[in-house]
Amino acid sequence: MPSNTAPKAANHVTGDQSAVLSLLADPATYGPEVETVERIDTHGAVVFLAGTRAYKIKRAVAYPYMDFSTLEKRHRFCLREREINGRSAPDLYLDVVPVTESDGTLRLGGDGTPVEWVLVMRRFAQDRLLSSLAEAGRLTPEIMTALADAIAAFHDKAEQRRDRAAGTEAMSWVVRENGEEFLERQDLFNRGDAERLTEAALAQLDRLGPLLDDRAEAGRVRLCHGDLHLRNVVLLDGGPALFDAIEFNDAIACIDVLYDLAFLLMDLDHRGLRPFANLVLNRYLQQADTAEALALLPLFLSTRAAVRAKVAASLEAVAGTEPVKLQRRAEAAAYLRRARDYLAPGKACLVAVGGLSGTGKTTLARALAPALGRAPGALHLRSDVLRKQLAGVSELERLPAEAYTQEASDRVYAELRDRAAAALQSGQSVVVDAVFAKPAERAALAQIAARAGVAFTGLWLDATPETLAARVTQRRGDASDADAAVVEQQLTYDLGNIDWPRLDAGRPLAELQDAAARLLSSTS
């Protein structure tokens, strides 16, 4: 429990904005077409929803990581916010206008003396926020796949910062600054818990520093979003748009791209949506990073959870009612526990899912991956996707016959093993799905697990020829090029002795997944 003798929350407020807040809360400010105004509070801003627009002001506050203490700074950061978010949501940010004072009267705009600055945005329905969709149970794999693609494209175009100081040094600053703020709020956070978390994070950072610094020099540190969670993504004009990126502190925004992604992964995991977190991670890694980076994931997830604990504490300090204060306190404590849990040692494993085309290997592998090993689950390696990557074509582009020669297939399986070994070395579990028709292919993957010192389970899926042919014929929008003719050819293969447990893949997915999960639990 927090100490009863702990100091009270530090006062970060630097100015009285009550008159401006009253002005912006009044529908008359916006003209006769606006009848109601909705207000949204964060620890750094207040947003008013009026008509077709949203009006956002920076709070007059100063934190170690965010300083809006003067009018000049708030103006500068309003302009910067519009600029920085133009990269991913150019149609959302419209203008920066003053609140002016003349003859003792405040108005939005006008020719008087500016007393505050307002960022004007295009308003969108709040139920289009991904956080709202998550709370309503309306997120889908299609939305999350599109989001992963959007983030990968955003990172690809983001400005690089090739500077070793942007690696270990920058992460050390975040970890230490989090710890200092926890100690300021000992009314919320147990001192011992906070100090142990900081010590554990710094120990991880000391071990992983060379990897972080190498990634910084290689251009993996970029001007990212910096605050990439579900509440800062909206379905806009048919696709997910990232908005509300960090504009006030480059030390928070110029970060490793995987650390940027980790905020979203943590948010999904915290909401009980680990399958979506696993989907996003795997989709992103297909396009934008390598398995070696997974060694950094526990530290990144933990630090992101610690940041949310800190923010919840800041929101508690400005909460207007006791129920909201209690909610924020509970959130802060939950995030701190999660930050600690992400750093706990995990037990990796390697799982293979084999079978002829149409047995549902990918469907089962995707279903199993979130529950394997540490958060947010296993790296999913799929031979069909990897074959397209090695050929340099898009996932849905059909390959010619020469891409399926024995030499080409040997290359695919060798790359599968290399990537699996790298992920296992990083501490992440792996699930690989491929046909694995040859005993040597199955044995070689088991050897990868043995060399890594992790448990291995191979699962072989069986289905009737009619089921296989029907499934591959019905496929749409999938990386596999297999059709009924390929299935007919595969049915002639000499598969040798299959010593993996065999599962009937003709039954419903839920039954198949339960059977596979029981086998995995018995071998772990």
Protein backbone atom coordinates (compact mmCIF):
# COMPACT_ATOMS: atom_id res chain seq x y z
CA MET A 1 0.00 0.00 0.00
CA PRO A 2 1.21 3.59 -0.59
CA SER A 3 2.82 5.23 2.38
CA ASN A 4 0.53 7.40 4.53
CA THR A 5 3.39 9.85 5.01
CA ALA A 6 4.03 10.35 1.27
CA PRO A 7 4.09 13.89 -0.15
CA LYS A 8 1.04 15.21 -1.97
CA ALA A 9 1.00 15.51 -5.76
CA ALA A 10 3.20 18.28 -7.14
CA ASN A 11 1.32 21.29 -8.52
CA HIS A 12 2.21 21.60 -12.20
CA VAL A 13 -0.31 24.32 -13.07
CA THR A 14 1.34 27.61 -14.06
CA GLY A 15 -1.59 29.86 -14.96
CA ASP A 16 -5.31 30.52 -14.62
CA GLN A 17 -7.18 29.65 -17.83
CA SER A 18 -10.67 29.58 -16.31
CA ALA A 19 -11.97 32.56 -18.30
CA VAL A 20 -10.81 31.05 -21.59
CA LEU A 21 -12.27 27.68 -20.67
CA SER A 22 -15.60 29.31 -19.88
CA LEU A 23 -15.57 31.10 -23.23
CA LEU A 24 -14.89 27.93 -25.19
CA ALA A 25 -17.51 25.97 -23.23
CA ASP A 26 -20.22 28.48 -24.24
CA PRO A 27 -22.14 27.54 -27.43
CA ALA A 28 -22.68 31.25 -28.16
CA THR A 29 -18.94 31.57 -28.82
CA TYR A 30 -19.34 29.62 -32.05
CA GLY A 31 -22.48 31.17 -33.50
CA PRO A 32 -26.17 30.25 -33.69
CA GLU A 33 -25.57 26.96 -35.49
CA VAL A 34 -23.92 25.46 -32.36
CA GLU A 35 -26.35 24.48 -29.59
CA THR A 36 -24.15 22.31 -27.37
CA VAL A 37 -20.46 21.98 -26.59
CA GLU A 38 -18.75 18.84 -25.31
CA ARG A 39 -15.54 19.05 -23.29
CA ILE A 40 -12.70 16.49 -23.19
CA ASP A 41 -9.89 16.85 -20.63
CA THR A 42 -6.39 15.44 -20.69
CA HIS A 43 -3.48 16.34 -18.43
CA GLY A 44 -1.96 18.53 -21.17
CA ALA A 45 -4.94 19.87 -23.10
CA VAL A 46 -8.65 20.61 -23.13
CA VAL A 47 -10.73 19.97 -26.26
CA PHE A 48 -14.15 21.47 -26.98
CA LEU A 49 -16.38 19.80 -29.56
CA ALA A 50 -18.63 22.38 -31.18
CA GLY A 51 -20.52 21.88 -34.40
CA THR A 52 -18.30 20.50 -37.14
CA ARG A 53 -15.07 21.56 -35.41
CA ALA A 54 -12.95 20.66 -32.40
CA TYR A 55 -11.11 23.43 -30.54
CA LYS A 56 -8.06 22.45 -28.53
CA ILE A 57 -6.00 24.52 -26.09
CA LYS A 58 -2.85 23.57 -24.27
CA ARG A 59 -3.12 23.58 -20.50
CA ALA A 60 -0.90 26.08 -18.70
CA VAL A 61 1.20 23.38 -17.04
CA ALA A 62 4.83 22.43 -16.68
CA TYR A 63 5.99 18.86 -16.27
CA PRO A 64 9.58 17.63 -16.59
CA TYR A 65 8.69 16.23 -20.02
CA MET A 66 6.13 18.83 -21.21
CA ASP A 67 6.28 22.62 -20.74
CA PHE A 68 3.27 24.73 -21.76
CA SER A 69 3.91 27.29 -19.04
CA THR A 70 3.85 30.45 -21.18
CA LEU A 71 1.56 31.82 -23.86
CA GLU A 72 4.46 31.92 -26.33
CA LYS A 73 5.18 28.22 -25.77
CA ARG A 74 1.54 27.25 -26.14
CA HIS A 75 1.37 29.16 -29.43
CA ARG A 76 4.55 27.56 -30.71
CA PHE A 77 3.39 24.07 -29.81
CA CYS A 78 -0.04 24.57 -31.37
CA LEU A 79 1.71 25.42 -34.64
CA ARG A 80 4.06 22.47 -34.22
CA GLU A 81 1.17 20.10 -33.51
CA ARG A 82 -0.54 21.10 -36.73
CA GLU A 83 2.70 20.59 -38.66
CA ILE A 84 3.73 17.29 -37.10
CA ASN A 85 0.30 15.68 -37.53
CA GLY A 86 0.12 16.74 -41.14
CA ARG A 87 2.23 13.67 -41.88
CA SER A 88 -0.53 11.20 -41.02
CA ALA A 89 -3.77 13.21 -40.76
CA PRO A 90 -3.38 16.26 -43.05
CA ASP A 91 -7.13 16.86 -43.40
CA LEU A 92 -7.78 16.80 -39.66
CA TYR A 93 -5.76 19.83 -38.54
CA LEU A 94 -7.13 23.08 -39.96
CA ASP A 95 -5.82 26.24 -38.27
CA VAL A 96 -4.38 27.95 -35.19
CA VAL A 97 -6.38 30.98 -34.02
CA PRO A 98 -6.14 33.25 -30.96
CA VAL A 99 -8.52 33.91 -28.14
CA THR A 100 -8.29 37.70 -27.90
CA GLU A 101 -9.12 40.27 -25.27
CA SER A 102 -10.45 43.75 -26.10
CA ASP A 103 -12.09 46.17 -23.66
CA GLY A 104 -12.26 43.41 -21.08
CA THR A 105 -14.12 41.02 -23.42
CA LEU A 106 -12.81 37.68 -24.64
CA ARG A 107 -13.64 36.33 -28.07
CA LEU A 108 -12.50 33.53 -30.32
CA GLY A 109 -10.50 35.25 -33.05
CA GLY A 110 -10.74 39.01 -33.45
CA ASP A 111 -8.18 41.80 -33.49
CA GLY A 112 -7.58 42.18 -29.77
CA THR A 113 -4.62 41.06 -27.70
CA PRO A 114 -4.04 37.27 -27.86
CA VAL A 115 -4.47 35.72 -24.42
CA GLU A 116 -4.59 32.09 -25.56
CA TRP A 117 -4.11 30.02 -28.73
CA VAL A 118 -6.53 27.45 -30.08
CA LEU A 119 -5.85 24.61 -32.49
CA VAL A 120 -8.88 24.16 -34.74
CA MET A 121 -9.54 20.64 -36.02
CA ARG A 122 -12.08 18.86 -38.14
CA ARG A 123 -14.49 17.13 -35.80
CA PHE A 124 -15.15 13.43 -36.10
CA ALA A 125 -17.63 11.16 -34.36
CA GLN A 126 -16.13 9.83 -31.13
CA ASP A 127 -17.37 6.36 -31.95
CA ARG A 128 -14.85 6.31 -34.82
CA LEU A 129 -11.94 6.34 -32.39
CA LEU A 130 -10.31 2.92 -32.17
CA SER A 131 -10.57 3.16 -28.39
CA SER A 132 -14.35 3.50 -28.73
CA LEU A 133 -14.47 0.60 -31.18
CA ALA A 134 -12.46 -1.50 -28.74
CA GLU A 135 -14.80 -0.70 -25.86
CA ALA A 136 -17.79 -1.60 -28.03
CA GLY A 137 -16.20 -4.87 -29.18
CA ARG A 138 -16.15 -3.65 -32.79
CA LEU A 139 -12.46 -3.90 -33.66
CA THR A 140 -11.81 -6.41 -36.44
CA PRO A 141 -8.77 -8.19 -37.85
CA GLU A 142 -9.22 -6.15 -41.03
CA ILE A 143 -9.04 -2.84 -39.12
CA MET A 144 -5.98 -3.96 -37.18
CA THR A 145 -4.23 -5.21 -40.31
CA ALA A 146 -4.86 -1.86 -41.99
CA LEU A 147 -3.55 -0.09 -38.88
CA ALA A 148 -0.34 -2.15 -38.84
CA ASP A 149 0.17 -1.33 -42.52
CA ALA A 150 -0.43 2.38 -41.87
CA ILE A 151 2.10 2.43 -39.02
CA ALA A 152 4.70 0.59 -41.08
CA ALA A 153 4.26 3.09 -43.93
CA PHE A 154 4.38 6.02 -41.48
CA HIS A 155 7.62 4.77 -39.94
CA ASP A 156 9.13 4.13 -43.35
CA LYS A 157 8.71 7.80 -44.31
CA ALA A 158 9.57 9.27 -40.90
CA GLU A 159 12.71 11.37 -40.55
CA GLN A 160 15.71 9.36 -39.36
CA ARG A 161 17.91 10.41 -36.44
CA ARG A 162 21.20 8.53 -36.77
CA ASP A 163 22.54 9.32 -33.33
CA ARG A 164 23.74 6.89 -30.67
CA ALA A 165 22.42 9.32 -28.05
CA ALA A 166 18.94 8.52 -29.37
CA GLY A 167 19.39 4.88 -28.33
CA THR A 168 20.41 3.90 -24.79
CA GLU A 169 20.78 7.46 -23.55
CA ALA A 170 17.28 8.45 -24.64
CA MET A 171 15.64 5.35 -23.15
CA SER A 172 17.56 5.83 -19.91
CA TRP A 173 16.12 9.34 -19.65
CA VAL A 174 12.57 8.00 -20.05
CA VAL A 175 13.04 5.25 -17.47
CA ARG A 176 14.64 7.56 -14.91
CA GLU A 177 12.10 10.34 -15.48
CA ASN A 178 9.26 7.87 -14.96
CA GLY A 179 10.85 6.76 -11.72
CA GLU A 180 11.25 10.32 -10.46
CA GLU A 181 7.58 11.07 -11.11
CA PHE A 182 6.53 7.90 -9.30
CA LEU A 183 8.43 9.09 -6.25
CA GLU A 184 6.61 12.44 -6.45
CA ARG A 185 3.34 10.52 -6.14
CA GLN A 186 3.95 8.23 -3.22
CA ASP A 187 0.32 8.81 -2.32
CA LEU A 188 -0.38 6.64 -5.39
CA PHE A 189 2.70 4.49 -5.89
CA ASN A 190 4.47 2.35 -3.34
CA ARG A 191 8.06 3.61 -3.13
CA GLY A 192 9.58 0.14 -3.04
CA ASP A 193 7.56 -1.08 -6.04
CA ALA A 194 8.47 2.01 -8.05
CA GLU A 195 12.16 1.75 -7.22
CA ARG A 196 12.29 -1.97 -8.06
CA LEU A 197 10.63 -1.29 -11.40
CA THR A 198 13.16 1.41 -12.25
CA GLU A 199 16.07 -0.81 -11.20
CA ALA A 200 14.79 -3.74 -13.29
CA ALA A 201 14.25 -1.52 -16.35
CA LEU A 202 17.73 -0.02 -16.05
CA ALA A 203 19.23 -3.51 -15.74
CA GLN A 204 17.49 -4.53 -18.97
CA LEU A 205 18.68 -1.33 -20.57
CA ASP A 206 22.25 -2.04 -19.55
CA ARG A 207 22.06 -5.49 -21.15
CA LEU A 208 20.34 -4.30 -24.32
CA GLY A 209 22.20 -1.02 -24.75
CA PRO A 210 24.44 -2.18 -27.62
CA LEU A 211 21.41 -3.36 -29.63
CA LEU A 212 19.59 -0.07 -29.02
CA ASP A 213 22.61 1.96 -30.04
CA ASP A 214 23.23 -0.14 -33.14
CA ARG A 215 19.61 0.38 -34.18
CA ALA A 216 19.97 4.13 -33.67
CA GLU A 217 23.03 4.20 -35.93
CA ALA A 218 21.19 2.07 -38.50
CA GLY A 219 18.33 4.57 -38.75
CA ARG A 220 15.74 2.73 -36.65
CA VAL A 221 15.34 5.85 -34.46
CA ARG A 222 13.00 8.25 -36.24
CA LEU A 223 10.67 11.15 -35.64
CA CYS A 224 7.78 8.88 -34.71
CA HIS A 225 4.29 9.45 -33.35
CA GLY A 226 5.30 9.13 -29.71
CA ASP A 227 1.81 8.59 -28.25
CA LEU A 228 0.53 5.75 -30.39
CA HIS A 229 -2.40 4.19 -28.56
CA LEU A 230 -5.98 3.46 -29.61
CA ARG A 231 -7.39 6.80 -28.51
CA ASN A 232 -5.05 8.53 -30.96
CA VAL A 233 -6.22 6.57 -34.01
CA VAL A 234 -9.49 7.27 -35.81
CA LEU A 235 -11.23 5.66 -38.76
CA LEU A 236 -11.24 8.57 -41.15
CA ASP A 237 -12.31 8.45 -44.79
CA GLY A 238 -12.30 4.69 -44.84
CA GLY A 239 -9.02 3.91 -43.07
CA PRO A 240 -7.14 4.35 -39.78
CA ALA A 241 -5.50 7.77 -39.34
CA LEU A 242 -2.88 8.49 -36.68
CA PHE A 243 -3.32 11.83 -34.94
CA ASP A 244 -2.29 13.72 -31.77
CA ALA A 245 1.40 12.89 -32.22
CA ILE A 246 3.88 14.28 -29.71
CA GLU A 247 4.89 17.82 -30.69
CA PHE A 248 6.25 19.19 -27.42
CA ASN A 249 9.36 17.07 -26.79
CA ASP A 250 11.61 15.45 -29.38
CA ALA A 251 13.06 13.20 -26.69
CA ILE A 252 9.63 11.52 -26.54
CA ALA A 253 8.96 11.52 -30.29
CA CYS A 254 12.42 10.72 -31.71
CA ILE A 255 12.49 7.09 -30.67
CA ASP A 256 13.08 3.56 -31.87
CA VAL A 257 10.25 2.61 -34.21
CA LEU A 258 9.53 -0.55 -32.19
CA TYR A 259 9.20 1.56 -29.03
CA ASP A 260 6.63 3.66 -30.90
CA LEU A 261 4.70 0.53 -31.88
CA ALA A 262 4.98 -0.85 -28.34
CA PHE A 263 2.55 1.76 -27.03
CA LEU A 264 -0.20 0.36 -29.25
CA LEU A 265 0.73 -3.23 -28.38
CA MET A 266 0.63 -2.44 -24.66
CA ASP A 267 -2.69 -0.62 -24.98
CA LEU A 268 -4.28 -3.56 -26.79
CA ASP A 269 -2.84 -6.02 -24.27
CA HIS A 270 -4.02 -3.90 -21.32
CA ARG A 271 -7.54 -3.89 -22.76
CA GLY A 272 -7.59 -7.69 -22.93
CA LEU A 273 -7.05 -7.69 -26.70
CA ARG A 274 -3.80 -9.63 -26.91
CA PRO A 275 -4.83 -11.45 -30.13
CA PHE A 276 -5.03 -8.07 -31.87
CA ALA A 277 -1.71 -7.03 -30.35
CA ASN A 278 -0.17 -10.22 -31.71
CA LEU A 279 -1.72 -9.63 -35.13
CA VAL A 280 -0.37 -6.07 -35.29
CA LEU A 281 3.12 -7.09 -34.18
CA ASN A 282 3.37 -9.89 -36.73
CA ARG A 283 1.96 -7.82 -39.57
CA TYR A 284 4.35 -4.97 -38.75
CA LEU A 285 7.40 -7.24 -38.55
CA GLN A 286 6.58 -8.70 -41.98
CA GLN A 287 7.19 -5.24 -43.43
CA ALA A 288 9.24 -3.06 -41.16
CA ASP A 289 11.63 -4.81 -38.76
CA THR A 290 13.57 -7.95 -37.86
CA ALA A 291 13.18 -10.75 -35.34
CA GLU A 292 16.32 -9.60 -33.47
CA ALA A 293 14.45 -6.47 -32.37
CA LEU A 294 12.11 -8.62 -30.27
CA ALA A 295 14.74 -8.68 -27.52
CA LEU A 296 13.77 -5.07 -26.82
CA LEU A 297 10.04 -5.72 -26.56
CA PRO A 298 9.73 -6.45 -22.80
CA LEU A 299 11.59 -3.24 -21.94
CA PHE A 300 9.57 -1.23 -24.45
CA LEU A 301 6.22 -2.62 -23.26
CA SER A 302 7.15 -2.06 -19.62
CA THR A 303 8.25 1.50 -20.21
CA ARG A 304 5.06 2.26 -22.13
CA ALA A 305 2.96 0.89 -19.26
CA ALA A 306 4.99 2.99 -16.84
CA VAL A 307 4.31 6.09 -18.95
CA ARG A 308 0.57 5.36 -18.79
CA ALA A 309 0.81 4.95 -15.01
CA LYS A 310 2.45 8.37 -14.83
CA VAL A 311 -0.18 9.94 -17.07
CA ALA A 312 -3.00 8.39 -15.03
CA ALA A 313 -1.45 9.99 -11.94
CA SER A 314 -1.36 13.35 -13.72
CA LEU A 315 -5.02 12.99 -14.72
CA GLU A 316 -5.93 12.06 -11.15
CA ALA A 317 -4.40 15.33 -9.97
CA VAL A 318 -6.73 17.39 -12.22
CA ALA A 319 -9.83 15.18 -11.91
CA GLY A 320 -12.91 17.17 -10.91
CA THR A 321 -14.87 14.55 -8.98
CA GLU A 322 -14.02 11.88 -6.43
CA PRO A 323 -15.28 8.96 -8.58
CA VAL A 324 -13.02 10.07 -11.43
CA LYS A 325 -10.11 10.43 -9.02
CA LEU A 326 -10.67 6.89 -7.77
CA GLN A 327 -10.82 5.60 -11.35
CA ARG A 328 -7.53 7.32 -12.22
CA ARG A 329 -5.89 5.97 -9.09
CA ALA A 330 -6.95 2.44 -9.99
CA GLU A 331 -5.65 2.91 -13.55
CA ALA A 332 -2.29 4.17 -12.29
CA ALA A 333 -1.87 1.16 -10.01
CA ALA A 334 -2.91 -1.29 -12.75
CA TYR A 335 -0.44 0.17 -15.24
CA LEU A 336 2.38 0.02 -12.71
CA ARG A 337 1.66 -3.67 -12.10
CA ARG A 338 1.64 -4.29 -15.83
CA ALA A 339 4.96 -2.47 -16.23
CA ARG A 340 6.46 -4.79 -13.64
CA ASP A 341 4.94 -7.93 -15.18
CA TYR A 342 6.35 -7.19 -18.65
CA LEU A 343 9.88 -7.38 -17.24
CA ALA A 344 9.32 -10.77 -15.58
CA PRO A 345 11.32 -13.57 -17.25
CA GLY A 346 9.33 -15.51 -19.83
CA LYS A 347 9.64 -19.07 -21.12
CA ALA A 348 9.94 -19.29 -24.90
CA CYS A 349 8.87 -22.24 -27.03
CA LEU A 350 8.82 -23.26 -30.69
CA VAL A 351 5.69 -24.67 -32.29
CA ALA A 352 5.38 -25.97 -35.83
CA VAL A 353 2.08 -26.47 -37.65
CA GLY A 354 2.42 -28.72 -40.70
CA GLY A 355 0.09 -30.32 -43.20
CA LEU A 356 -0.91 -30.22 -46.83
CA SER A 357 -2.38 -27.09 -48.39
CA GLY A 358 -5.93 -26.46 -47.22
CA THR A 359 -5.59 -28.06 -43.78
CA GLY A 360 -5.87 -24.64 -42.08
CA LYS A 361 -2.31 -24.34 -40.82
CA THR A 362 -2.28 -20.54 -40.86
CA THR A 363 -5.68 -20.25 -39.19
CA LEU A 364 -4.56 -22.51 -36.35
CA ALA A 365 -1.15 -20.87 -36.02
CA ARG A 366 -2.75 -17.43 -35.75
CA ALA A 367 -5.16 -18.70 -33.11
CA LEU A 368 -2.36 -20.26 -31.03
CA ALA A 369 0.23 -17.48 -31.29
CA PRO A 370 -1.20 -14.95 -28.77
CA ALA A 371 -1.06 -17.44 -25.90
CA LEU A 372 2.50 -18.63 -26.52
CA GLY A 373 5.27 -17.21 -24.34
CA ARG A 374 5.64 -13.60 -23.28
CA ALA A 375 3.53 -10.68 -24.42
CA PRO A 376 2.08 -10.23 -26.89
CA GLY A 377 2.57 -13.84 -27.93
CA ALA A 378 4.59 -15.72 -30.52
CA LEU A 379 6.22 -14.53 -33.70
CA HIS A 380 4.22 -16.19 -36.48
CA LEU A 381 6.32 -17.27 -39.45
CA ARG A 382 4.43 -18.42 -42.53
CA SER A 383 6.16 -20.02 -45.50
CA ASP A 384 3.68 -18.60 -48.03
CA VAL A 385 4.32 -15.01 -46.90
CA LEU A 386 8.08 -15.50 -46.62
CA ARG A 387 8.25 -16.96 -50.13
CA LYS A 388 6.65 -13.78 -51.50
CA GLN A 389 9.02 -11.60 -49.47
CA LEU A 390 12.09 -13.43 -50.76
CA ALA A 391 10.76 -13.09 -54.31
CA GLY A 392 10.30 -9.35 -53.80
CA VAL A 393 6.59 -9.29 -54.62
CA SER A 394 3.47 -8.31 -52.73
CA GLU A 395 1.74 -10.87 -50.55
CA LEU A 396 -1.17 -11.34 -52.95
CA GLU A 397 0.82 -11.49 -56.20
CA ARG A 398 0.84 -14.95 -57.70
CA LEU A 399 4.31 -16.42 -58.23
CA PRO A 400 5.45 -18.33 -61.32
CA ALA A 401 6.27 -22.03 -61.19
CA GLU A 402 10.03 -21.42 -60.86
CA ALA A 403 9.39 -19.86 -57.43
CA TYR A 404 8.34 -23.33 -56.26
CA THR A 405 11.38 -25.34 -57.35
CA GLN A 406 13.11 -27.49 -54.75
CA GLU A 407 15.96 -24.97 -54.61
CA ALA A 408 13.54 -22.11 -53.98
CA SER A 409 11.69 -24.09 -51.31
CA ASP A 410 14.96 -25.02 -49.58
CA ARG A 411 15.77 -21.33 -49.40
CA VAL A 412 12.36 -20.57 -47.85
CA TYR A 413 12.74 -23.27 -45.19
CA ALA A 414 16.29 -22.17 -44.37
CA GLU A 415 15.07 -18.59 -43.89
CA LEU A 416 12.21 -19.81 -41.70
CA ARG A 417 14.73 -21.57 -39.47
CA ASP A 418 17.03 -18.54 -39.35
CA ARG A 419 14.22 -16.20 -38.35
CA ALA A 420 12.89 -18.65 -35.80
CA ALA A 421 16.35 -18.99 -34.26
CA ALA A 422 16.75 -15.20 -34.07
CA ALA A 423 13.40 -14.74 -32.35
CA LEU A 424 14.08 -17.53 -29.88
CA GLN A 425 17.47 -16.00 -29.13
CA SER A 426 15.59 -12.77 -28.37
CA GLY A 427 13.36 -14.62 -25.91
CA GLN A 428 10.19 -14.61 -28.03
CA SER A 429 8.20 -17.75 -28.74
CA VAL A 430 7.70 -18.75 -32.37
CA VAL A 431 5.02 -20.60 -34.30
CA VAL A 432 5.93 -21.68 -37.85
CA ASP A 433 3.39 -22.84 -40.39
CA ALA A 434 4.46 -24.59 -43.57
CA VAL A 435 3.73 -27.87 -45.34
CA PHE A 436 6.79 -29.61 -43.83
CA ALA A 437 6.34 -32.50 -46.25
CA LYS A 438 9.90 -33.80 -45.84
CA PRO A 439 11.11 -35.55 -42.66
CA ALA A 440 14.36 -33.56 -42.94
CA GLU A 441 12.44 -30.28 -42.83
CA ARG A 442 10.63 -31.37 -39.68
CA ALA A 443 13.80 -32.61 -38.02
CA ALA A 444 15.73 -29.44 -38.86
CA LEU A 445 13.16 -27.25 -37.12
CA ALA A 446 13.24 -29.44 -34.01
CA GLN A 447 17.02 -28.97 -33.96
CA ILE A 448 16.55 -25.19 -33.88
CA ALA A 449 14.56 -25.57 -30.66
CA ALA A 450 17.14 -27.93 -29.18
CA ARG A 451 19.98 -25.49 -29.88
CA ALA A 452 17.96 -22.66 -28.33
CA GLY A 453 17.15 -24.77 -25.28
CA VAL A 454 13.38 -24.35 -25.62
CA ALA A 455 10.47 -26.76 -25.80
CA PHE A 456 9.40 -27.90 -29.26
CA THR A 457 6.02 -29.19 -30.38
CA GLY A 458 5.14 -30.18 -33.92
CA LEU A 459 1.47 -30.47 -34.90
CA TRP A 460 0.40 -32.26 -38.07
CA LEU A 461 -2.99 -31.44 -39.55
CA ASP A 462 -4.99 -33.99 -41.54
CA ALA A 463 -8.10 -33.47 -43.65
CA THR A 464 -9.89 -35.37 -46.41
CA PRO A 465 -8.90 -34.67 -50.04
CA GLU A 466 -12.34 -33.21 -50.63
CA THR A 467 -11.94 -30.77 -47.74
CA LEU A 468 -8.49 -29.71 -48.92
CA ALA A 469 -9.64 -29.07 -52.49
CA ALA A 470 -12.72 -27.16 -51.35
CA ARG A 471 -10.75 -24.93 -49.00
CA VAL A 472 -8.03 -23.89 -51.43
CA THR A 473 -10.64 -23.25 -54.13
CA GLN A 474 -12.62 -20.96 -51.83
CA ARG A 475 -9.63 -18.88 -50.70
CA ARG A 476 -9.67 -15.16 -51.49
CA GLY A 477 -7.11 -12.50 -50.65
CA ASP A 478 -4.55 -14.94 -49.26
CA ALA A 479 -0.80 -15.30 -49.71
CA SER A 480 -1.02 -18.97 -50.68
CA ASP A 481 -0.87 -19.80 -54.37
CA ALA A 482 -2.04 -23.39 -53.82
CA ASP A 483 -5.08 -24.54 -55.81
CA ALA A 484 -6.83 -27.86 -56.32
CA ALA A 485 -4.10 -29.02 -58.73
CA VAL A 486 -1.42 -28.37 -56.12
CA VAL A 487 -3.40 -30.31 -53.53
CA GLU A 488 -3.74 -33.23 -55.96
CA GLN A 489 0.02 -33.24 -56.44
CA GLN A 490 0.71 -33.02 -52.69
CA LEU A 491 -1.50 -36.03 -52.04
CA THR A 492 1.08 -38.12 -53.93
CA TYR A 493 3.96 -37.06 -51.64
CA ASP A 494 5.84 -39.63 -49.61
CA LEU A 495 5.66 -37.87 -46.24
CA GLY A 496 7.78 -40.43 -44.43
CA ASN A 497 7.27 -41.13 -40.76
CA ILE A 498 5.30 -38.30 -39.16
CA ASP A 499 6.14 -38.37 -35.46
CA TRP A 500 4.27 -35.15 -34.66
CA PRO A 501 0.85 -35.45 -33.02
CA ARG A 502 -1.81 -35.64 -35.74
CA LEU A 503 -4.98 -33.59 -35.51
CA ASP A 504 -8.21 -33.80 -37.51
CA ALA A 505 -8.35 -30.41 -39.26
CA GLY A 506 -11.81 -31.07 -40.65
CA ARG A 507 -13.49 -30.18 -37.37
CA PRO A 508 -14.46 -26.65 -36.26
CA LEU A 509 -11.60 -24.30 -35.43
CA ALA A 510 -12.57 -23.98 -31.76
CA GLU A 511 -12.35 -27.75 -31.29
CA LEU A 512 -9.07 -27.94 -33.22
CA GLN A 513 -7.59 -25.06 -31.21
CA ASP A 514 -8.62 -26.69 -27.92
CA ALA A 515 -7.02 -29.98 -28.94
CA ALA A 516 -3.82 -28.22 -30.00
CA ALA A 517 -3.72 -26.18 -26.80
CA ARG A 518 -4.02 -29.34 -24.71
CA LEU A 519 -1.10 -30.88 -26.58
CA LEU A 520 0.99 -27.75 -26.07
CA SER A 521 0.25 -27.61 -22.36
CA SER A 522 1.24 -31.26 -21.96
CA THR A 523 4.64 -30.68 -23.60
CA SER A 524 5.53 -27.32 -22.05
